[in-house]
C-alpha atoms as a PDB file:
ATOM      1  CA  MET A   1      96.264 151.840  90.515  1.00  0.00           C
ATOM      2  CA  ILE A   2      97.340 153.123  93.922  1.00  0.00           C
ATOM      3  CA  LEU A   3      95.564 150.222  95.615  1.00  0.00           C
ATOM      4  CA  ALA A   4      97.387 147.723  93.395  1.00  0.00           C
ATOM      5  CA  LEU A   5     100.758 149.302  94.245  1.00  0.00           C
ATOM      6  CA  ALA A   6      99.938 149.275  97.963  1.00  0.00           C
ATOM      7  CA  LEU A   7      98.961 145.600  97.826  1.00  0.00           C
ATOM      8  CA  CYS A   8     102.163 144.751  95.953  1.00  0.00           C
ATOM      9  CA  GLY A   9     104.185 146.611  98.589  1.00  0.00           C
ATOM     10  CA  ILE A  10     102.472 144.700 101.387  1.00  0.00           C
ATOM     11  CA  GLY A  11     103.104 141.402  99.597  1.00  0.00           C
ATOM     12  CA  VAL A  12     106.805 142.147  99.136  1.00  0.00           C
ATOM     13  CA  ALA A  13     107.173 143.237 102.773  1.00  0.00           C
ATOM     14  CA  GLY A  14     105.460 140.033 103.922  1.00  0.00           C
ATOM     15  CA  CYS A  15     107.910 137.907 101.970  1.00  0.00           C
ATOM     16  CA  ALA A  16     110.896 139.820 103.317  1.00  0.00           C
ATOM     17  CA  THR A  17     109.952 139.309 106.973  1.00  0.00           C
ATOM     18  CA  ARG A  18     109.639 135.561 107.346  1.00  0.00           C
ATOM     19  CA  PRO A  19     110.125 133.898 110.742  1.00  0.00           C
ATOM     20  CA  SER A  20     113.536 132.493 111.630  1.00  0.00           C
ATOM     21  CA  ASP A  21     114.139 128.766 111.235  1.00  0.00           C
ATOM     22  CA  SER A  22     113.975 128.186 114.996  1.00  0.00           C
ATOM     23  CA  GLU A  23     110.685 130.107 115.252  1.00  0.00           C
ATOM     24  CA  ALA A  24     109.248 128.125 112.343  1.00  0.00           C
ATOM     25  CA  GLU A  25     110.404 124.808 113.850  1.00  0.00           C
ATOM     26  CA  ARG A  26     108.869 125.739 117.217  1.00  0.00           C
ATOM     27  CA  ALA A  27     105.573 126.711 115.540  1.00  0.00           C
ATOM     28  CA  VAL A  28     105.452 123.436 113.601  1.00  0.00           C
ATOM     29  CA  ALA A  29     106.196 121.397 116.747  1.00  0.00           C
ATOM     30  CA  GLU A  30     103.415 123.194 118.641  1.00  0.00           C
ATOM     31  CA  MET A  31     100.975 122.613 115.780  1.00  0.00           C
ATOM     32  CA  ILE A  32     101.826 118.905 115.602  1.00  0.00           C
ATOM     33  CA  LYS A  33     101.451 118.473 119.374  1.00  0.00           C
ATOM     34  CA  ALA A  34      98.152 120.356 119.380  1.00  0.00           C
ATOM     35  CA  SER A  35      96.710 118.184 116.627  1.00  0.00           C
ATOM     36  CA  PHE A  36      98.064 114.827 117.902  1.00  0.00           C
ATOM     37  CA  LYS A  37      95.443 112.214 118.715  1.00  0.00           C
ATOM     38  CA  THR A  38      96.344 109.240 120.914  1.00  0.00           C
ATOM     39  CA  ARG A  39      95.545 105.966 119.168  1.00  0.00           C
ATOM     40  CA  GLY A  40      96.397 102.667 120.801  1.00  0.00           C
ATOM     41  CA  GLN A  41     100.051 102.623 121.774  1.00  0.00           C
ATOM     42  CA  ALA A  42     100.807 105.817 119.828  1.00  0.00           C
ATOM     43  CA  THR A  43     100.883 108.490 122.531  1.00  0.00           C
ATOM     44  CA  ILE A  44     102.160 112.067 122.549  1.00  0.00           C
ATOM     45  CA  ASP A  45     105.480 110.982 124.083  1.00  0.00           C
ATOM     46  CA  ARG A  46     106.469 109.651 120.655  1.00  0.00           C
ATOM     47  CA  LEU A  47     106.963 113.244 119.553  1.00  0.00           C
ATOM     48  CA  SER A  48     109.689 113.843 122.150  1.00  0.00           C
ATOM     49  CA  GLN A  49     113.225 113.114 120.960  1.00  0.00           C
ATOM     50  CA  ASP A  50     115.800 111.413 123.147  1.00  0.00           C
ATOM     51  CA  ASP A  51     119.317 112.868 123.350  1.00  0.00           C
ATOM     52  CA  ALA A  52     120.640 110.859 120.391  1.00  0.00           C
ATOM     53  CA  GLN A  53     117.739 111.864 118.131  1.00  0.00           C
ATOM     54  CA  ALA A  54     118.089 115.520 119.145  1.00  0.00           C
ATOM     55  CA  LEU A  55     121.820 115.500 118.315  1.00  0.00           C
ATOM     56  CA  CYS A  56     121.185 113.908 114.927  1.00  0.00           C
ATOM     57  CA  SER A  57     118.488 116.498 114.165  1.00  0.00           C
ATOM     58  CA  LYS A  58     120.702 119.360 115.325  1.00  0.00           C
ATOM     59  CA  HIS A  59     123.599 118.296 113.112  1.00  0.00           C
ATOM     60  CA  ALA A  60     121.384 117.244 110.149  1.00  0.00           C
ATOM     61  CA  GLY A  61     122.953 113.793 109.932  1.00  0.00           C
ATOM     62  CA  GLU A  62     126.530 115.115 109.836  1.00  0.00           C
ATOM     63  CA  LEU A  63     127.703 114.492 113.391  1.00  0.00           C
ATOM     64  CA  PRO A  64     131.111 115.770 114.479  1.00  0.00           C
ATOM     65  CA  LYS A  65     133.862 113.150 114.377  1.00  0.00           C
ATOM     66  CA  GLY A  66     133.641 110.698 117.270  1.00  0.00           C
ATOM     67  CA  MET A  67     130.168 111.779 118.377  1.00  0.00           C
ATOM     68  CA  SER A  68     128.385 108.990 116.514  1.00  0.00           C
ATOM     69  CA  ASP A  69     130.518 106.343 118.273  1.00  0.00           C
ATOM     70  CA  GLY A  70     129.577 107.784 121.657  1.00  0.00           C
ATOM     71  CA  ILE A  71     125.883 107.764 120.791  1.00  0.00           C
ATOM     72  CA  GLU A  72     126.070 104.156 119.595  1.00  0.00           C
ATOM     73  CA  LYS A  73     127.851 103.017 122.762  1.00  0.00           C
ATOM     74  CA  CYS A  74     125.347 104.838 124.953  1.00  0.00           C
ATOM     75  CA  ASN A  75     122.377 103.268 123.140  1.00  0.00           C
ATOM     76  CA  ARG A  76     123.843  99.757 123.339  1.00  0.00           C
ATOM     77  CA  ARG A  77     123.955  99.767 127.153  1.00  0.00           C
ATOM     78  CA  PRO A  78     121.488  97.265 128.598  1.00  0.00           C
ATOM     79  CA  SER A  79     119.857 100.045 130.641  1.00  0.00           C
ATOM     80  CA  ALA A  80     119.170 101.986 127.416  1.00  0.00           C
ATOM     81  CA  ILE A  81     117.080  99.169 125.980  1.00  0.00           C
ATOM     82  CA  ARG A  82     113.573  99.098 127.347  1.00  0.00           C
ATOM     83  CA  ALA A  83     111.259  96.151 126.932  1.00  0.00           C
ATOM     84  CA  PRO A  84     107.779  97.061 125.714  1.00  0.00           C
ATOM     85  CA  GLU A  85     105.102  97.379 128.356  1.00  0.00           C
ATOM     86  CA  SER A  86     102.436  94.715 128.174  1.00  0.00           C
ATOM     87  CA  SER A  87      98.898  95.936 127.878  1.00  0.00           C
END
């Protein structure tokens, strides 16, 4: 009986002390990078976000007013468009 109560207490304490969202996101990113296998043109650099992707992730799709226009203009510049490398 005492053992069952102790195990229940440990279980409840474990649920109450979960990692923060940023810690969990960092752990997931590290796990994905560690398990990534390069295949053909899919290299590890695909996991890195550019500035526009990072802003969209940070704001969960709800960008502050005017920010989306700035991102679109920046990404439409000819220097922002890269031709694929030939292999």
